Structure formats: structure tokens, C-alpha cells
């Protein structure tokens, strides 16, 4: 389904890299439909590692590629600190002004979605997913025009980072 959507949106770079994004499958079709409706604009890649290991792999990779890792948020630890529980859930916030600045020059409102974020979470079945914003969705959301080369660069980089962190 997402592959078809990406093709309709003209996003073939993720597919051509062999990093075919996957939508997290919910426990039933009705839950899956609801999840898709609520998560429009996200790309989900299943990880073969735990949440902490996937996040560690992503952070190490990002730093090795010269990206700035601004923070790593452990939402499960935050929930525990107030007597609540969440399955393992982390967000890694990262970016590079060499790539983000041109996108914001094309559309200043894109700054609300930058720096980039990756959500790494364990679902109810124990599967681990790395999710990130689809750059084409952000381009549509912020009416980005004239930044095709930047968007392709972002798409390719995010797909490579997700693939390397999860496989």
C-alpha cells in the first residue's frame, strides 16, 4: 500500500534503494485502517533489533556521517518516572544544517518539522519499528517547490539510515 502511495507521489528513490518502507501491521484490519489514517506521512521500517539497540545503531551511524544528534528521548523511562508504563519507545532528534537550511529556504514553515526525528518503538506484538516523516509528505504539507534535489537527497539519506539501523 505505502509503496503504491510513494509511486503515486513520485517517490521512487526509497523503492529503488531496496529499502522498501513498511507500514506497521496492526492486530486487525480495522485497527490497521485506523493506524494508517492516524499515521499519514510516516514511513515505518521493521527492525531486527531491540529498541535500544536500534537507537544505538542509528545514533552511531548518524554521528559517523557528520550529522548532529541533538537528543535521544526515552519515553518509556519518562512514563515510568510518573508511575505509568509504555513499551520501549525512543525518539532520536538529529539533523544537518547543510540539508535542512535549503529546505527551509524553499519553505520557512518546514522549520516546524526540523530537525529530523526517528521514532523507534516496540508494538503490541513485540515487533520493533523505526519510523520517520516521509519527506514527500512534508513537502506537500509545507508546499515546498523548487527543492526537488534537496528532497531526493533527504529521502535517500533517511532510507539508508533506517535500513542500516534496522538490518
C-alpha atoms as a PDB file:
ATOM      1  CA  UNK A   1       0.000   0.000   0.000  1.00  0.00           C
ATOM      2  CA  UNK A   2       2.687   2.541   1.004  1.00  0.00           C
ATOM      3  CA  UNK A   3       4.853   1.505  -1.939  1.00  0.00           C
ATOM      4  CA  UNK A   4       1.934   2.269  -4.245  1.00  0.00           C
ATOM      5  CA  UNK A   5       1.375   5.606  -2.488  1.00  0.00           C
ATOM      6  CA  UNK A   6       5.045   6.500  -2.829  1.00  0.00           C
ATOM      7  CA  UNK A   7       4.919   5.697  -6.523  1.00  0.00           C
ATOM      8  CA  UNK A   8       1.812   7.857  -6.955  1.00  0.00           C
ATOM      9  CA  UNK A   9       3.590  10.688  -5.156  1.00  0.00           C
ATOM     10  CA  UNK A  10       6.626  10.243  -7.381  1.00  0.00           C
ATOM     11  CA  UNK A  11       8.831   8.901  -4.579  1.00  0.00           C
ATOM     12  CA  UNK A  12      10.655   6.043  -6.210  1.00  0.00           C
ATOM     13  CA  UNK A  13      14.045   6.636  -4.613  1.00  0.00           C
ATOM     14  CA  UNK A  14      13.212   4.686  -1.447  1.00  0.00           C
ATOM     15  CA  UNK A  15      11.992   1.808  -3.569  1.00  0.00           C
ATOM     16  CA  UNK A  16      14.980   1.864  -5.888  1.00  0.00           C
ATOM     17  CA  UNK A  17      17.362   1.662  -2.929  1.00  0.00           C
ATOM     18  CA  UNK A  18      15.771  -1.593  -1.899  1.00  0.00           C
ATOM     19  CA  UNK A  19      14.710  -0.024   1.398  1.00  0.00           C
ATOM     20  CA  UNK A  20      11.041  -0.620   0.849  1.00  0.00           C
ATOM     21  CA  UNK A  21       9.241   1.066   3.718  1.00  0.00           C
ATOM     22  CA  UNK A  22       6.642  -0.956   5.559  1.00  0.00           C
ATOM     23  CA  UNK A  23       3.545   0.123   7.395  1.00  0.00           C
ATOM     24  CA  UNK A  24       3.293  -1.377  10.837  1.00  0.00           C
ATOM     25  CA  UNK A  25       0.632  -4.061  10.701  1.00  0.00           C
ATOM     26  CA  UNK A  26      -1.919  -3.749  13.465  1.00  0.00           C
ATOM     27  CA  UNK A  27      -3.618  -6.731  15.055  1.00  0.00           C
ATOM     28  CA  UNK A  28      -6.715  -6.479  12.832  1.00  0.00           C
ATOM     29  CA  UNK A  29      -7.703  -4.916   9.527  1.00  0.00           C
ATOM     30  CA  UNK A  30      -9.878  -2.307  11.248  1.00  0.00           C
ATOM     31  CA  UNK A  31      -7.030  -1.387  13.585  1.00  0.00           C
ATOM     32  CA  UNK A  32      -4.686  -1.294  10.599  1.00  0.00           C
ATOM     33  CA  UNK A  33      -7.004   1.113   8.751  1.00  0.00           C
ATOM     34  CA  UNK A  34      -7.247   3.332  11.816  1.00  0.00           C
ATOM     35  CA  UNK A  35      -3.473   3.243  12.293  1.00  0.00           C
ATOM     36  CA  UNK A  36      -2.880   4.219   8.651  1.00  0.00           C
ATOM     37  CA  UNK A  37      -5.332   7.117   8.917  1.00  0.00           C
ATOM     38  CA  UNK A  38      -3.680   8.360  12.099  1.00  0.00           C
ATOM     39  CA  UNK A  39      -0.109   7.948  10.840  1.00  0.00           C
ATOM     40  CA  UNK A  40      -0.314   9.580   7.433  1.00  0.00           C
ATOM     41  CA  UNK A  41       3.056  10.793   6.268  1.00  0.00           C
ATOM     42  CA  UNK A  42       5.182   8.301   8.185  1.00  0.00           C
ATOM     43  CA  UNK A  43       7.463   5.632   6.813  1.00  0.00           C
ATOM     44  CA  UNK A  44       7.866   2.529   9.003  1.00  0.00           C
ATOM     45  CA  UNK A  45      10.774   0.094   8.725  1.00  0.00           C
ATOM     46  CA  UNK A  46      10.770  -3.101  10.793  1.00  0.00           C
ATOM     47  CA  UNK A  47      13.914  -3.649  12.841  1.00  0.00           C
ATOM     48  CA  UNK A  48      15.529  -6.965  13.634  1.00  0.00           C
ATOM     49  CA  UNK A  49      16.951  -5.433  16.831  1.00  0.00           C
ATOM     50  CA  UNK A  50      15.516  -4.238  20.146  1.00  0.00           C
ATOM     51  CA  UNK A  51      14.528  -0.597  20.613  1.00  0.00           C
ATOM     52  CA  UNK A  52      17.733   0.374  22.488  1.00  0.00           C
ATOM     53  CA  UNK A  53      19.994  -1.464  20.032  1.00  0.00           C
ATOM     54  CA  UNK A  54      18.208   0.060  17.014  1.00  0.00           C
ATOM     55  CA  UNK A  55      18.512   3.530  18.552  1.00  0.00           C
ATOM     56  CA  UNK A  56      22.194   2.924  19.384  1.00  0.00           C
ATOM     57  CA  UNK A  57      22.864   1.796  15.816  1.00  0.00           C
ATOM     58  CA  UNK A  58      21.055   4.842  14.414  1.00  0.00           C
ATOM     59  CA  UNK A  59      22.908   7.312  16.663  1.00  0.00           C
ATOM     60  CA  UNK A  60      26.288   5.746  15.835  1.00  0.00           C
ATOM     61  CA  UNK A  61      25.538   5.843  12.117  1.00  0.00           C
ATOM     62  CA  UNK A  62      24.271   9.441  12.186  1.00  0.00           C
ATOM     63  CA  UNK A  63      27.356  10.642  14.037  1.00  0.00           C
ATOM     64  CA  UNK A  64      29.649   8.749  11.647  1.00  0.00           C
ATOM     65  CA  UNK A  65      28.002  10.593   8.745  1.00  0.00           C
ATOM     66  CA  UNK A  66      28.592  14.001  10.324  1.00  0.00           C
ATOM     67  CA  UNK A  67      25.012  14.512  11.481  1.00  0.00           C
ATOM     68  CA  UNK A  68      24.275  16.301  14.732  1.00  0.00           C
ATOM     69  CA  UNK A  69      22.346  14.180  17.225  1.00  0.00           C
ATOM     70  CA  UNK A  70      20.553  16.762  19.349  1.00  0.00           C
ATOM     71  CA  UNK A  71      18.898  14.414  21.794  1.00  0.00           C
ATOM     72  CA  UNK A  72      17.623  10.943  22.451  1.00  0.00           C
ATOM     73  CA  UNK A  73      14.353  10.726  24.346  1.00  0.00           C
ATOM     74  CA  UNK A  74      13.368   7.581  26.234  1.00  0.00           C
ATOM     75  CA  UNK A  75       9.582   7.914  26.501  1.00  0.00           C
ATOM     76  CA  UNK A  76       9.247   4.628  28.414  1.00  0.00           C
ATOM     77  CA  UNK A  77      11.603   5.943  31.110  1.00  0.00           C
ATOM     78  CA  UNK A  78       9.617   9.183  31.229  1.00  0.00           C
ATOM     79  CA  UNK A  79       6.381   7.271  31.672  1.00  0.00           C
ATOM     80  CA  UNK A  80       7.955   5.161  34.415  1.00  0.00           C
ATOM     81  CA  UNK A  81       9.060   8.317  36.249  1.00  0.00           C
ATOM     82  CA  UNK A  82       5.377   9.261  36.707  1.00  0.00           C
ATOM     83  CA  UNK A  83       4.164   5.778  37.581  1.00  0.00           C
ATOM     84  CA  UNK A  84       2.910   4.911  34.079  1.00  0.00           C
ATOM     85  CA  UNK A  85       4.120   2.374  31.561  1.00  0.00           C
ATOM     86  CA  UNK A  86       4.888   2.335  27.874  1.00  0.00           C
ATOM     87  CA  UNK A  87       6.530  -0.334  25.773  1.00  0.00           C
ATOM     88  CA  UNK A  88      10.107   0.552  24.797  1.00  0.00           C
ATOM     89  CA  UNK A  89       9.793   3.842  22.888  1.00  0.00           C
ATOM     90  CA  UNK A  90      12.606   6.224  21.953  1.00  0.00           C
ATOM     91  CA  UNK A  91      12.903   9.269  19.718  1.00  0.00           C
ATOM     92  CA  UNK A  92      16.201  10.387  18.215  1.00  0.00           C
ATOM     93  CA  UNK A  93      16.349  14.035  17.093  1.00  0.00           C
ATOM     94  CA  UNK A  94      19.028  14.765  14.505  1.00  0.00           C
ATOM     95  CA  UNK A  95      19.900  16.999  11.604  1.00  0.00           C
ATOM     96  CA  UNK A  96      22.384  18.777   9.427  1.00  0.00           C
ATOM     97  CA  UNK A  97      22.041  22.474   8.541  1.00  0.00           C
ATOM     98  CA  UNK A  98      23.637  21.808   5.138  1.00  0.00           C
ATOM     99  CA  UNK A  99      20.474  19.899   4.197  1.00  0.00           C
ATOM    100  CA  UNK A 100      17.834  21.469   6.439  1.00  0.00           C
ATOM    101  CA  UNK A 101      18.635  25.081   5.599  1.00  0.00           C
ATOM    102  CA  UNK A 102      17.925  24.750   1.850  1.00  0.00           C
ATOM    103  CA  UNK A 103      14.606  23.077   2.673  1.00  0.00           C
ATOM    104  CA  UNK A 104      13.668  25.954   4.991  1.00  0.00           C
ATOM    105  CA  UNK A 105      14.738  28.428   2.309  1.00  0.00           C
ATOM    106  CA  UNK A 106      12.207  26.806  -0.019  1.00  0.00           C
ATOM    107  CA  UNK A 107       9.510  26.900   2.647  1.00  0.00           C
ATOM    108  CA  UNK A 108      10.134  28.572   6.016  1.00  0.00           C
ATOM    109  CA  UNK A 109       7.305  26.606   7.672  1.00  0.00           C
ATOM    110  CA  UNK A 110       9.301  23.399   7.144  1.00  0.00           C
ATOM    111  CA  UNK A 111      11.277  24.506  10.214  1.00  0.00           C
ATOM    112  CA  UNK A 112       8.445  23.227  12.433  1.00  0.00           C
ATOM    113  CA  UNK A 113       9.294  19.673  11.307  1.00  0.00           C
ATOM    114  CA  UNK A 114      13.068  20.095  11.553  1.00  0.00           C
ATOM    115  CA  UNK A 115      15.357  18.807  12.840  1.00  0.00           C
ATOM    116  CA  UNK A 116      14.503  15.301  11.716  1.00  0.00           C
ATOM    117  CA  UNK A 117      13.149  12.750  14.154  1.00  0.00           C
ATOM    118  CA  UNK A 118      13.187   8.977  14.219  1.00  0.00           C
ATOM    119  CA  UNK A 119      10.761   7.066  16.416  1.00  0.00           C
ATOM    120  CA  UNK A 120      11.872   3.611  17.497  1.00  0.00           C
ATOM    121  CA  UNK A 121       9.155   1.643  19.271  1.00  0.00           C
ATOM    122  CA  UNK A 122       8.018  -1.831  20.147  1.00  0.00           C
ATOM    123  CA  UNK A 123       4.449  -2.680  19.112  1.00  0.00           C
ATOM    124  CA  UNK A 124       1.937  -4.884  20.931  1.00  0.00           C
ATOM    125  CA  UNK A 125       3.250  -7.993  19.179  1.00  0.00           C
ATOM    126  CA  UNK A 126       6.863  -7.348  20.184  1.00  0.00           C
ATOM    127  CA  UNK A 127       7.993  -6.139  16.753  1.00  0.00           C
ATOM    128  CA  UNK A 128      10.289  -3.123  16.691  1.00  0.00           C
ATOM    129  CA  UNK A 129       9.726  -0.316  14.193  1.00  0.00           C
ATOM    130  CA  UNK A 130      11.790   2.679  13.158  1.00  0.00           C
ATOM    131  CA  UNK A 131       9.511   5.414  11.823  1.00  0.00           C
ATOM    132  CA  UNK A 132      10.267   8.786  10.283  1.00  0.00           C
ATOM    133  CA  UNK A 133       8.500  11.536   8.387  1.00  0.00           C
ATOM    134  CA  UNK A 134       8.118  10.959   4.676  1.00  0.00           C
ATOM    135  CA  UNK A 135       9.925  13.917   3.050  1.00  0.00           C
ATOM    136  CA  UNK A 136       7.377  13.984   0.221  1.00  0.00           C
ATOM    137  CA  UNK A 137       4.586  14.332   2.772  1.00  0.00           C
ATOM    138  CA  UNK A 138       6.456  17.209   4.418  1.00  0.00           C
ATOM    139  CA  UNK A 139       6.975  18.819   1.011  1.00  0.00           C
ATOM    140  CA  UNK A 140       3.250  18.614   0.386  1.00  0.00           C
ATOM    141  CA  UNK A 141       2.406  19.830   3.905  1.00  0.00           C
ATOM    142  CA  UNK A 142       4.662  22.874   3.562  1.00  0.00           C
ATOM    143  CA  UNK A 143       4.034  23.452  -0.153  1.00  0.00           C
ATOM    144  CA  UNK A 144       7.734  23.111  -0.916  1.00  0.00           C
ATOM    145  CA  UNK A 145       8.534  23.993  -4.505  1.00  0.00           C
ATOM    146  CA  UNK A 146      11.828  24.125  -6.341  1.00  0.00           C
ATOM    147  CA  UNK A 147      13.679  21.869  -3.895  1.00  0.00           C
ATOM    148  CA  UNK A 148      13.466  18.546  -5.698  1.00  0.00           C
ATOM    149  CA  UNK A 149      17.201  17.849  -5.414  1.00  0.00           C
ATOM    150  CA  UNK A 150      17.171  18.537  -1.664  1.00  0.00           C
ATOM    151  CA  UNK A 151      14.100  16.336  -1.148  1.00  0.00           C
ATOM    152  CA  UNK A 152      15.687  13.464  -3.074  1.00  0.00           C
ATOM    153  CA  UNK A 153      18.858  13.804  -1.003  1.00  0.00           C
ATOM    154  CA  UNK A 154      16.804  13.720   2.226  1.00  0.00           C
ATOM    155  CA  UNK A 155      14.720  10.736   1.044  1.00  0.00           C
ATOM    156  CA  UNK A 156      17.794   8.751   0.112  1.00  0.00           C
ATOM    157  CA  UNK A 157      19.657   9.574   3.321  1.00  0.00           C
ATOM    158  CA  UNK A 158      16.718   8.725   5.596  1.00  0.00           C
ATOM    159  CA  UNK A 159      16.078   5.445   3.784  1.00  0.00           C
ATOM    160  CA  UNK A 160      19.761   4.479   4.079  1.00  0.00           C
ATOM    161  CA  UNK A 161      19.904   5.424   7.763  1.00  0.00           C
ATOM    162  CA  UNK A 162      16.732   3.449   8.531  1.00  0.00           C
ATOM    163  CA  UNK A 163      17.944   0.412   6.611  1.00  0.00           C
ATOM    164  CA  UNK A 164      21.372   0.421   8.254  1.00  0.00           C
ATOM    165  CA  UNK A 165      19.962   0.851  11.767  1.00  0.00           C
ATOM    166  CA  UNK A 166      17.369  -1.889  11.429  1.00  0.00           C
ATOM    167  CA  UNK A 167      19.039  -4.658   9.356  1.00  0.00           C
END
